[in-house]
Amino acid sequence: MKRLGLRREAKRRPGVGSGSGNPAWKGGRRTRSDGYIAIWTEDGERLEHQVVMEKHIGRKLVSGEVVHHRDRNKKNNEITNLELMTQSEHAKIHAMEMHSARYEK
């Protein structure tokens, strides 16, 4: 068939190949290259700290809202380490940290 330029359709077993049916499935949780933990939800891949905050406040985040890690550890997604704020407030926190770090040397 290959010589004729035709491809053979792969036979798939139901429930095998995606999600928990895949032998390579690791529980739907991974660490991204930027250090944040991503989880697989019904909405697709999401950042775990955002999902934790949404469950805590009982709604989805709206545009302009940011979840800040108080200890700056991107993997510590305990609700006690997370703080909901605006993008503007978040930028000010990190600007102050950068400013103070520059003059502490």
PDB file of N, CA and C in Angstrom:
ATOM      1  N   MET A   1       0.825  -1.192   0.000  1.00  0.00           N
ATOM      2  CA  MET A   1       0.000   0.000   0.000  1.00  0.00           C
ATOM      3  C   MET A   1       0.868   1.254   0.000  1.00  0.00           C
ATOM      4  N   LYS A   2       2.001   1.197   0.715  1.00  0.00           N
ATOM      5  CA  LYS A   2       2.851   2.362   0.799  1.00  0.00           C
ATOM      6  C   LYS A   2       3.405   2.729  -0.578  1.00  0.00           C
ATOM      7  N   ARG A   3       3.695   1.712  -1.386  1.00  0.00           N
ATOM      8  CA  ARG A   3       4.229   1.974  -2.718  1.00  0.00           C
ATOM      9  C   ARG A   3       3.219   2.685  -3.597  1.00  0.00           C
ATOM     10  N   LEU A   4       1.946   2.515  -3.291  1.00  0.00           N
ATOM     11  CA  LEU A   4       0.897   3.166  -4.073  1.00  0.00           C
ATOM     12  C   LEU A   4       0.571   4.565  -3.547  1.00  0.00           C
ATOM     13  N   GLY A   5       1.274   4.986  -2.479  1.00  0.00           N
ATOM     14  CA  GLY A   5       1.018   6.306  -1.904  1.00  0.00           C
ATOM     15  C   GLY A   5      -0.183   6.332  -0.972  1.00  0.00           C
ATOM     16  N   LEU A   6      -0.649   5.152  -0.577  1.00  0.00           N
ATOM     17  CA  LEU A   6      -1.792   5.080   0.329  1.00  0.00           C
ATOM     18  C   LEU A   6      -1.304   4.785   1.742  1.00  0.00           C
ATOM     19  N   ARG A   7      -1.988   5.387   2.712  1.00  0.00           N
ATOM     20  CA  ARG A   7      -1.633   5.113   4.105  1.00  0.00           C
ATOM     21  C   ARG A   7      -2.661   4.191   4.715  1.00  0.00           C
ATOM     22  N   ARG A   8      -2.179   3.353   5.575  1.00  0.00           N
ATOM     23  CA  ARG A   8      -3.065   2.450   6.292  1.00  0.00           C
ATOM     24  C   ARG A   8      -3.568   3.154   7.546  1.00  0.00           C
ATOM     25  N   GLU A   9      -4.833   3.073   7.800  1.00  0.00           N
ATOM     26  CA  GLU A   9      -5.390   3.672   9.010  1.00  0.00           C
ATOM     27  C   GLU A   9      -5.009   2.821  10.210  1.00  0.00           C
ATOM     28  N   ALA A  10      -4.554   3.471  11.249  1.00  0.00           N
ATOM     29  CA  ALA A  10      -4.189   2.755  12.476  1.00  0.00           C
ATOM     30  C   ALA A  10      -5.456   2.316  13.190  1.00  0.00           C
ATOM     31  N   LYS A  11      -5.425   1.096  13.679  1.00  0.00           N
ATOM     32  CA  LYS A  11      -6.563   0.602  14.455  1.00  0.00           C
ATOM     33  C   LYS A  11      -6.353   1.024  15.898  1.00  0.00           C
ATOM     34  N   ARG A  12      -7.346   1.684  16.477  1.00  0.00           N
ATOM     35  CA  ARG A  12      -7.237   2.146  17.856  1.00  0.00           C
ATOM     36  C   ARG A  12      -8.252   1.435  18.720  1.00  0.00           C
ATOM     37  N   ARG A  13      -7.804   1.072  19.888  1.00  0.00           N
ATOM     38  CA  ARG A  13      -8.724   0.498  20.856  1.00  0.00           C
ATOM     39  C   ARG A  13      -9.394   1.637  21.611  1.00  0.00           C
ATOM     40  N   PRO A  14     -10.677   1.516  21.896  1.00  0.00           N
ATOM     41  CA  PRO A  14     -11.368   2.580  22.630  1.00  0.00           C
ATOM     42  C   PRO A  14     -10.730   2.820  23.994  1.00  0.00           C
ATOM     43  N   GLY A  15     -10.535   4.109  24.340  1.00  0.00           N
ATOM     44  CA  GLY A  15      -9.981   4.465  25.641  1.00  0.00           C
ATOM     45  C   GLY A  15      -8.477   4.370  25.745  1.00  0.00           C
ATOM     46  N   VAL A  16      -7.816   3.946  24.679  1.00  0.00           N
ATOM     47  CA  VAL A  16      -6.363   3.826  24.709  1.00  0.00           C
ATOM     48  C   VAL A  16      -5.790   4.905  23.805  1.00  0.00           C
ATOM     49  N   GLY A  17      -4.745   5.559  24.257  1.00  0.00           N
ATOM     50  CA  GLY A  17      -4.076   6.536  23.412  1.00  0.00           C
ATOM     51  C   GLY A  17      -4.107   7.942  23.959  1.00  0.00           C
ATOM     52  N   SER A  18      -5.103   8.279  24.759  1.00  0.00           N
ATOM     53  CA  SER A  18      -5.127   9.616  25.328  1.00  0.00           C
ATOM     54  C   SER A  18      -5.539   9.553  26.789  1.00  0.00           C
ATOM     55  N   GLY A  19      -5.082  10.538  27.533  1.00  0.00           N
ATOM     56  CA  GLY A  19      -5.443  10.595  28.947  1.00  0.00           C
ATOM     57  C   GLY A  19      -4.940   9.403  29.729  1.00  0.00           C
ATOM     58  N   SER A  20      -5.720   8.977  30.708  1.00  0.00           N
ATOM     59  CA  SER A  20      -5.284   7.893  31.592  1.00  0.00           C
ATOM     60  C   SER A  20      -5.190   6.552  30.872  1.00  0.00           C
ATOM     61  N   GLY A  21      -5.718   6.443  29.655  1.00  0.00           N
ATOM     62  CA  GLY A  21      -5.611   5.213  28.888  1.00  0.00           C
ATOM     63  C   GLY A  21      -4.261   5.051  28.211  1.00  0.00           C
ATOM     64  N   ASN A  22      -3.465   6.112  28.178  1.00  0.00           N
ATOM     65  CA  ASN A  22      -2.162   6.066  27.543  1.00  0.00           C
ATOM     66  C   ASN A  22      -1.126   5.551  28.538  1.00  0.00           C
ATOM     67  N   PRO A  23      -0.301   4.600  28.132  1.00  0.00           N
ATOM     68  CA  PRO A  23       0.706   4.057  29.049  1.00  0.00           C
ATOM     69  C   PRO A  23       1.700   5.107  29.549  1.00  0.00           C
ATOM     70  N   ALA A  24       1.862   6.210  28.825  1.00  0.00           N
ATOM     71  CA  ALA A  24       2.799   7.262  29.228  1.00  0.00           C
ATOM     72  C   ALA A  24       2.144   8.318  30.125  1.00  0.00           C
ATOM     73  N   TRP A  25       0.875   8.141  30.460  1.00  0.00           N
ATOM     74  CA  TRP A  25       0.134   9.120  31.280  1.00  0.00           C
ATOM     75  C   TRP A  25       0.803   9.295  32.636  1.00  0.00           C
ATOM     76  N   LYS A  26       1.025  10.538  33.037  1.00  0.00           N
ATOM     77  CA  LYS A  26       1.693  10.826  34.305  1.00  0.00           C
ATOM     78  C   LYS A  26       0.767  11.570  35.261  1.00  0.00           C
ATOM     79  N   GLY A  27      -0.534  11.347  35.133  1.00  0.00           N
ATOM     80  CA  GLY A  27      -1.472  11.948  36.072  1.00  0.00           C
ATOM     81  C   GLY A  27      -1.985  13.312  35.670  1.00  0.00           C
ATOM     82  N   GLY A  28      -1.619  13.792  34.510  1.00  0.00           N
ATOM     83  CA  GLY A  28      -2.134  15.065  34.032  1.00  0.00           C
ATOM     84  C   GLY A  28      -1.497  16.277  34.682  1.00  0.00           C
ATOM     85  N   ARG A  29      -0.294  16.132  35.196  1.00  0.00           N
ATOM     86  CA  ARG A  29       0.395  17.219  35.888  1.00  0.00           C
ATOM     87  C   ARG A  29       1.841  17.245  35.407  1.00  0.00           C
ATOM     88  N   ARG A  30       2.333  18.439  35.045  1.00  0.00           N
ATOM     89  CA  ARG A  30       3.716  18.539  34.585  1.00  0.00           C
ATOM     90  C   ARG A  30       4.299  19.893  34.972  1.00  0.00           C
ATOM     91  N   THR A  31       5.603  19.961  35.044  1.00  0.00           N
ATOM     92  CA  THR A  31       6.285  21.229  35.285  1.00  0.00           C
ATOM     93  C   THR A  31       6.706  21.785  33.934  1.00  0.00           C
ATOM     94  N   ARG A  32       6.243  22.997  33.644  1.00  0.00           N
ATOM     95  CA  ARG A  32       6.582  23.639  32.375  1.00  0.00           C
ATOM     96  C   ARG A  32       8.018  24.163  32.409  1.00  0.00           C
ATOM     97  N   SER A  33       8.535  24.529  31.251  1.00  0.00           N
ATOM     98  CA  SER A  33       9.913  25.020  31.167  1.00  0.00           C
ATOM     99  C   SER A  33      10.107  26.331  31.925  1.00  0.00           C
ATOM    100  N   ASP A  34       9.021  27.091  32.175  1.00  0.00           N
ATOM    101  CA  ASP A  34       9.135  28.343  32.929  1.00  0.00           C
ATOM    102  C   ASP A  34       9.000  28.130  34.436  1.00  0.00           C
ATOM    103  N   GLY A  35       8.857  26.862  34.866  1.00  0.00           N
ATOM    104  CA  GLY A  35       8.816  26.540  36.287  1.00  0.00           C
ATOM    105  C   GLY A  35       7.434  26.393  36.886  1.00  0.00           C
ATOM    106  N   TYR A  36       6.388  26.818  36.177  1.00  0.00           N
ATOM    107  CA  TYR A  36       5.026  26.695  36.692  1.00  0.00           C
ATOM    108  C   TYR A  36       4.511  25.272  36.493  1.00  0.00           C
ATOM    109  N   ILE A  37       3.619  24.840  37.382  1.00  0.00           N
ATOM    110  CA  ILE A  37       3.002  23.525  37.255  1.00  0.00           C
ATOM    111  C   ILE A  37       1.721  23.671  36.449  1.00  0.00           C
ATOM    112  N   ALA A  38       1.590  22.850  35.415  1.00  0.00           N
ATOM    113  CA  ALA A  38       0.391  22.834  34.581  1.00  0.00           C
ATOM    114  C   ALA A  38      -0.355  21.534  34.845  1.00  0.00           C
ATOM    115  N   ILE A  39      -1.676  21.630  34.841  1.00  0.00           N
ATOM    116  CA  ILE A  39      -2.504  20.436  35.038  1.00  0.00           C
ATOM    117  C   ILE A  39      -3.496  20.336  33.894  1.00  0.00           C
ATOM    118  N   TRP A  40      -3.919  19.112  33.615  1.00  0.00           N
ATOM    119  CA  TRP A  40      -4.889  18.873  32.557  1.00  0.00           C
ATOM    120  C   TRP A  40      -6.283  18.920  33.161  1.00  0.00           C
ATOM    121  N   THR A  41      -7.138  19.804  32.641  1.00  0.00           N
ATOM    122  CA  THR A  41      -8.520  19.919  33.096  1.00  0.00           C
ATOM    123  C   THR A  41      -9.440  19.711  31.904  1.00  0.00           C
ATOM    124  N   GLU A  42     -10.730  19.745  32.158  1.00  0.00           N
ATOM    125  CA  GLU A  42     -11.688  19.605  31.052  1.00  0.00           C
ATOM    126  C   GLU A  42     -11.595  20.784  30.086  1.00  0.00           C
ATOM    127  N   ASP A  43     -10.999  21.901  30.518  1.00  0.00           N
ATOM    128  CA  ASP A  43     -10.796  23.074  29.658  1.00  0.00           C
ATOM    129  C   ASP A  43      -9.463  23.016  28.921  1.00  0.00           C
ATOM    130  N   GLY A  44      -8.719  21.923  29.095  1.00  0.00           N
ATOM    131  CA  GLY A  44      -7.395  21.807  28.507  1.00  0.00           C
ATOM    132  C   GLY A  44      -6.338  22.030  29.573  1.00  0.00           C
ATOM    133  N   GLU A  45      -5.125  22.322  29.147  1.00  0.00           N
ATOM    134  CA  GLU A  45      -4.041  22.515  30.109  1.00  0.00           C
ATOM    135  C   GLU A  45      -4.153  23.890  30.758  1.00  0.00           C
ATOM    136  N   ARG A  46      -4.066  23.919  32.081  1.00  0.00           N
ATOM    137  CA  ARG A  46      -4.180  25.168  32.852  1.00  0.00           C
ATOM    138  C   ARG A  46      -3.061  25.244  33.871  1.00  0.00           C
ATOM    139  N   LEU A  47      -2.751  26.449  34.318  1.00  0.00           N
ATOM    140  CA  LEU A  47      -1.768  26.624  35.378  1.00  0.00           C
ATOM    141  C   LEU A  47      -2.410  26.273  36.710  1.00  0.00           C
ATOM    142  N   GLU A  48      -1.734  25.410  37.463  1.00  0.00           N
ATOM    143  CA  GLU A  48      -2.308  24.887  38.702  1.00  0.00           C
ATOM    144  C   GLU A  48      -2.640  25.988  39.706  1.00  0.00           C
ATOM    145  N   HIS A  49      -1.768  26.999  39.856  1.00  0.00           N
ATOM    146  CA  HIS A  49      -2.030  28.040  40.850  1.00  0.00           C
ATOM    147  C   HIS A  49      -3.288  28.843  40.517  1.00  0.00           C
ATOM    148  N   GLN A  50      -3.599  28.986  39.245  1.00  0.00           N
ATOM    149  CA  GLN A  50      -4.830  29.684  38.858  1.00  0.00           C
ATOM    150  C   GLN A  50      -6.059  28.841  39.184  1.00  0.00           C
ATOM    151  N   VAL A  51      -5.986  27.543  38.932  1.00  0.00           N
ATOM    152  CA  VAL A  51      -7.103  26.639  39.231  1.00  0.00           C
ATOM    153  C   VAL A  51      -7.351  26.589  40.739  1.00  0.00           C
ATOM    154  N   VAL A  52      -6.279  26.534  41.536  1.00  0.00           N
ATOM    155  CA  VAL A  52      -6.409  26.514  42.996  1.00  0.00           C
ATOM    156  C   VAL A  52      -7.114  27.781  43.474  1.00  0.00           C
ATOM    157  N   MET A  53      -6.713  28.942  42.942  1.00  0.00           N
ATOM    158  CA  MET A  53      -7.332  30.210  43.348  1.00  0.00           C
ATOM    159  C   MET A  53      -8.793  30.265  42.909  1.00  0.00           C
ATOM    160  N   GLU A  54      -9.093  29.808  41.700  1.00  0.00           N
ATOM    161  CA  GLU A  54     -10.480  29.812  41.220  1.00  0.00           C
ATOM    162  C   GLU A  54     -11.376  28.961  42.111  1.00  0.00           C
ATOM    163  N   LYS A  55     -10.887  27.810  42.541  1.00  0.00           N
ATOM    164  CA  LYS A  55     -11.673  26.967  43.455  1.00  0.00           C
ATOM    165  C   LYS A  55     -11.879  27.676  44.785  1.00  0.00           C
ATOM    166  N   HIS A  56     -10.863  28.380  45.259  1.00  0.00           N
ATOM    167  CA  HIS A  56     -10.929  29.081  46.547  1.00  0.00           C
ATOM    168  C   HIS A  56     -11.948  30.228  46.520  1.00  0.00           C
ATOM    169  N   ILE A  57     -11.963  30.999  45.429  1.00  0.00           N
ATOM    170  CA  ILE A  57     -12.876  32.152  45.351  1.00  0.00           C
ATOM    171  C   ILE A  57     -14.230  31.787  44.747  1.00  0.00           C
ATOM    172  N   GLY A  58     -14.342  30.586  44.191  1.00  0.00           N
ATOM    173  CA  GLY A  58     -15.621  30.117  43.675  1.00  0.00           C
ATOM    174  C   GLY A  58     -16.023  30.662  42.322  1.00  0.00           C
ATOM    175  N   ARG A  59     -15.047  31.139  41.554  1.00  0.00           N
ATOM    176  CA  ARG A  59     -15.320  31.656  40.209  1.00  0.00           C
ATOM    177  C   ARG A  59     -14.038  31.637  39.385  1.00  0.00           C
ATOM    178  N   LYS A  60     -14.197  31.845  38.069  1.00  0.00           N
ATOM    179  CA  LYS A  60     -13.042  31.942  37.181  1.00  0.00           C
ATOM    180  C   LYS A  60     -12.374  33.306  37.378  1.00  0.00           C
ATOM    181  N   LEU A  61     -11.087  33.365  37.110  1.00  0.00           N
ATOM    182  CA  LEU A  61     -10.389  34.641  37.133  1.00  0.00           C
ATOM    183  C   LEU A  61     -10.886  35.497  35.979  1.00  0.00           C
ATOM    184  N   VAL A  62     -10.918  36.802  36.188  1.00  0.00           N
ATOM    185  CA  VAL A  62     -11.322  37.711  35.122  1.00  0.00           C
ATOM    186  C   VAL A  62     -10.076  38.387  34.556  1.00  0.00           C
ATOM    187  N   SER A  63     -10.229  38.988  33.404  1.00  0.00           N
ATOM    188  CA  SER A  63      -9.122  39.668  32.751  1.00  0.00           C
ATOM    189  C   SER A  63      -8.537  40.723  33.692  1.00  0.00           C
ATOM    190  N   GLY A  64      -7.226  40.742  33.804  1.00  0.00           N
ATOM    191  CA  GLY A  64      -6.553  41.706  34.669  1.00  0.00           C
ATOM    192  C   GLY A  64      -6.239  41.179  36.055  1.00  0.00           C
ATOM    193  N   GLU A  65      -6.745  39.993  36.401  1.00  0.00           N
ATOM    194  CA  GLU A  65      -6.447  39.397  37.701  1.00  0.00           C
ATOM    195  C   GLU A  65      -5.245  38.460  37.576  1.00  0.00           C
ATOM    196  N   VAL A  66      -4.389  38.492  38.588  1.00  0.00           N
ATOM    197  CA  VAL A  66      -3.167  37.695  38.607  1.00  0.00           C
ATOM    198  C   VAL A  66      -3.088  36.969  39.943  1.00  0.00           C
ATOM    199  N   VAL A  67      -2.572  35.752  39.925  1.00  0.00           N
ATOM    200  CA  VAL A  67      -2.339  35.003  41.158  1.00  0.00           C
ATOM    201  C   VAL A  67      -0.841  35.072  41.449  1.00  0.00           C
ATOM    202  N   HIS A  68      -0.508  35.680  42.589  1.00  0.00           N
ATOM    203  CA  HIS A  68       0.884  35.901  42.996  1.00  0.00           C
ATOM    204  C   HIS A  68       1.326  34.845  43.999  1.00  0.00           C
ATOM    205  N   HIS A  69       2.532  34.314  43.816  1.00  0.00           N
ATOM    206  CA  HIS A  69       3.139  33.384  44.775  1.00  0.00           C
ATOM    207  C   HIS A  69       3.892  34.227  45.805  1.00  0.00           C
ATOM    208  N   ARG A  70       3.421  34.249  47.035  1.00  0.00           N
ATOM    209  CA  ARG A  70       4.032  35.079  48.080  1.00  0.00           C
ATOM    210  C   ARG A  70       5.497  34.730  48.315  1.00  0.00           C
ATOM    211  N   ASP A  71       5.834  33.448  48.301  1.00  0.00           N
ATOM    212  CA  ASP A  71       7.224  33.048  48.564  1.00  0.00           C
ATOM    213  C   ASP A  71       8.064  32.964  47.287  1.00  0.00           C
ATOM    214  N   ARG A  72       7.498  33.357  46.166  1.00  0.00           N
ATOM    215  CA  ARG A  72       8.132  33.357  44.842  1.00  0.00           C
ATOM    216  C   ARG A  72       8.518  31.963  44.352  1.00  0.00           C
ATOM    217  N   ASN A  73       7.986  30.915  45.006  1.00  0.00           N
ATOM    218  CA  ASN A  73       8.218  29.532  44.584  1.00  0.00           C
ATOM    219  C   ASN A  73       7.052  29.123  43.684  1.00  0.00           C
ATOM    220  N   LYS A  74       7.297  29.011  42.394  1.00  0.00           N
ATOM    221  CA  LYS A  74       6.250  28.715  41.414  1.00  0.00           C
ATOM    222  C   LYS A  74       5.612  27.347  41.605  1.00  0.00           C
ATOM    223  N   LYS A  75       6.262  26.480  42.361  1.00  0.00           N
ATOM    224  CA  LYS A  75       5.725  25.133  42.584  1.00  0.00           C
ATOM    225  C   LYS A  75       4.920  25.022  43.874  1.00  0.00           C
ATOM    226  N   ASN A  76       4.937  26.063  44.717  1.00  0.00           N
ATOM    227  CA  ASN A  76       4.195  26.052  45.976  1.00  0.00           C
ATOM    228  C   ASN A  76       2.808  26.634  45.729  1.00  0.00           C
ATOM    229  N   ASN A  77       1.858  25.778  45.408  1.00  0.00           N
ATOM    230  CA  ASN A  77       0.511  26.224  45.058  1.00  0.00           C
ATOM    231  C   ASN A  77      -0.497  26.029  46.187  1.00  0.00           C
ATOM    232  N   GLU A  78      -0.014  26.042  47.437  1.00  0.00           N
ATOM    233  CA  GLU A  78      -0.913  26.023  48.592  1.00  0.00           C
ATOM    234  C   GLU A  78      -1.655  27.356  48.623  1.00  0.00           C
ATOM    235  N   ILE A  79      -2.937  27.332  48.963  1.00  0.00           N
ATOM    236  CA  ILE A  79      -3.738  28.556  48.957  1.00  0.00           C
ATOM    237  C   ILE A  79      -3.152  29.612  49.893  1.00  0.00           C
ATOM    238  N   THR A  80      -2.502  29.191  50.982  1.00  0.00           N
ATOM    239  CA  THR A  80      -1.900  30.148  51.916  1.00  0.00           C
ATOM    240  C   THR A  80      -0.714  30.884  51.302  1.00  0.00           C
ATOM    241  N   ASN A  81      -0.169  30.367  50.212  1.00  0.00           N
ATOM    242  CA  ASN A  81       0.952  31.001  49.526  1.00  0.00           C
ATOM    243  C   ASN A  81       0.506  31.829  48.321  1.00  0.00           C
ATOM    244  N   LEU A  82      -0.775  31.797  48.005  1.00  0.00           N
ATOM    245  CA  LEU A  82      -1.276  32.486  46.816  1.00  0.00           C
ATOM    246  C   LEU A  82      -2.060  33.727  47.203  1.00  0.00           C
ATOM    247  N   GLU A  83      -1.934  34.764  46.380  1.00  0.00           N
ATOM    248  CA  GLU A  83      -2.647  36.012  46.622  1.00  0.00           C
ATOM    249  C   GLU A  83      -3.216  36.514  45.297  1.00  0.00           C
ATOM    250  N   LEU A  84      -4.498  36.853  45.299  1.00  0.00           N
ATOM    251  CA  LEU A  84      -5.159  37.378  44.104  1.00  0.00           C
ATOM    252  C   LEU A  84      -4.981  38.886  44.072  1.00  0.00           C
ATOM    253  N   MET A  85      -4.554  39.419  42.933  1.00  0.00           N
ATOM    254  CA  MET A  85      -4.353  40.862  42.794  1.00  0.00           C
ATOM    255  C   MET A  85      -4.483  41.259  41.330  1.00  0.00           C
ATOM    256  N   THR A  86      -4.462  42.573  41.098  1.00  0.00           N
ATOM    257  CA  THR A  86      -4.521  43.065  39.723  1.00  0.00           C
ATOM    258  C   THR A  86      -3.125  42.975  39.104  1.00  0.00           C
ATOM    259  N   GLN A  87      -3.074  43.065  37.783  1.00  0.00           N
ATOM    260  CA  GLN A  87      -1.783  43.048  37.096  1.00  0.00           C
ATOM    261  C   GLN A  87      -0.935  44.234  37.543  1.00  0.00           C
ATOM    262  N   SER A  88      -1.585  45.374  37.777  1.00  0.00           N
ATOM    263  CA  SER A  88      -0.887  46.577  38.212  1.00  0.00           C
ATOM    264  C   SER A  88      -0.246  46.376  39.585  1.00  0.00           C
ATOM    265  N   GLU A  89      -1.001  45.820  40.532  1.00  0.00           N
ATOM    266  CA  GLU A  89      -0.463  45.553  41.872  1.00  0.00           C
ATOM    267  C   GLU A  89       0.703  44.570  41.798  1.00  0.00           C
ATOM    268  N   HIS A  90       0.553  43.572  40.957  1.00  0.00           N
ATOM    269  CA  HIS A  90       1.593  42.550  40.799  1.00  0.00           C
ATOM    270  C   HIS A  90       2.870  43.162  40.232  1.00  0.00           C
ATOM    271  N   ALA A  91       2.731  44.028  39.246  1.00  0.00           N
ATOM    272  CA  ALA A  91       3.895  44.686  38.647  1.00  0.00           C
ATOM    273  C   ALA A  91       4.612  45.552  39.682  1.00  0.00           C
ATOM    274  N   LYS A  92       3.857  46.238  40.545  1.00  0.00           N
ATOM    275  CA  LYS A  92       4.463  47.089  41.582  1.00  0.00           C
ATOM    276  C   LYS A  92       5.277  46.256  42.570  1.00  0.00           C
ATOM    277  N   ILE A  93       4.742  45.106  42.966  1.00  0.00           N
ATOM    278  CA  ILE A  93       5.461  44.226  43.902  1.00  0.00           C
ATOM    279  C   ILE A  93       6.800  43.806  43.317  1.00  0.00           C
ATOM    280  N   HIS A  94       6.791  43.366  42.077  1.00  0.00           N
ATOM    281  CA  HIS A  94       8.029  42.899  41.464  1.00  0.00           C
ATOM    282  C   HIS A  94       8.978  44.054  41.153  1.00  0.00           C
ATOM    283  N   ALA A  95       8.445  45.236  40.861  1.00  0.00           N
ATOM    284  CA  ALA A  95       9.298  46.405  40.636  1.00  0.00           C
ATOM    285  C   ALA A  95      10.008  46.793  41.931  1.00  0.00           C
ATOM    286  N   MET A  96       9.283  46.749  43.057  1.00  0.00           N
ATOM    287  CA  MET A  96       9.898  47.065  44.356  1.00  0.00           C
ATOM    288  C   MET A  96      10.976  46.043  44.700  1.00  0.00           C
ATOM    289  N   GLU A  97      10.724  44.774  44.404  1.00  0.00           N
ATOM    290  CA  GLU A  97      11.717  43.729  44.670  1.00  0.00           C
ATOM    291  C   GLU A  97      12.979  43.953  43.843  1.00  0.00           C
ATOM    292  N   MET A  98      12.803  44.299  42.590  1.00  0.00           N
ATOM    293  CA  MET A  98      13.945  44.548  41.708  1.00  0.00           C
ATOM    294  C   MET A  98      14.725  45.769  42.194  1.00  0.00           C
ATOM    295  N   HIS A  99      14.008  46.818  42.602  1.00  0.00           N
ATOM    296  CA  HIS A  99      14.635  48.057  43.061  1.00  0.00           C
ATOM    297  C   HIS A  99      15.448  47.802  44.334  1.00  0.00           C
ATOM    298  N   SER A 100      14.853  47.099  45.297  1.00  0.00           N
ATOM    299  CA  SER A 100      15.556  46.848  46.560  1.00  0.00           C
ATOM    300  C   SER A 100      16.734  45.899  46.351  1.00  0.00           C
ATOM    301  N   ALA A 101      16.605  44.936  45.477  1.00  0.00           N
ATOM    302  CA  ALA A 101      17.698  43.998  45.200  1.00  0.00           C
ATOM    303  C   ALA A 101      18.885  44.725  44.570  1.00  0.00           C
ATOM    304  N   ARG A 102      18.607  45.735  43.782  1.00  0.00           N
ATOM    305  CA  ARG A 102      19.653  46.491  43.106  1.00  0.00           C
ATOM    306  C   ARG A 102      20.509  47.266  44.110  1.00  0.00           C
ATOM    307  N   TYR A 103      19.870  47.767  45.170  1.00  0.00           N
ATOM    308  CA  TYR A 103      20.585  48.607  46.126  1.00  0.00           C
ATOM    309  C   TYR A 103      21.065  47.861  47.362  1.00  0.00           C
ATOM    310  N   GLU A 104      20.777  46.573  47.477  1.00  0.00           N
ATOM    311  CA  GLU A 104      21.237  45.787  48.621  1.00  0.00           C
ATOM    312  C   GLU A 104      22.666  45.297  48.437  1.00  0.00           C
ATOM    313  N   LYS A 105      23.192  45.385  47.243  1.00  0.00           N
ATOM    314  CA  LYS A 105      24.530  44.852  46.943  1.00  0.00           C
ATOM    315  C   LYS A 105      25.615  45.641  47.590  1.00  0.00           C
TER     316      LYS A 105
END
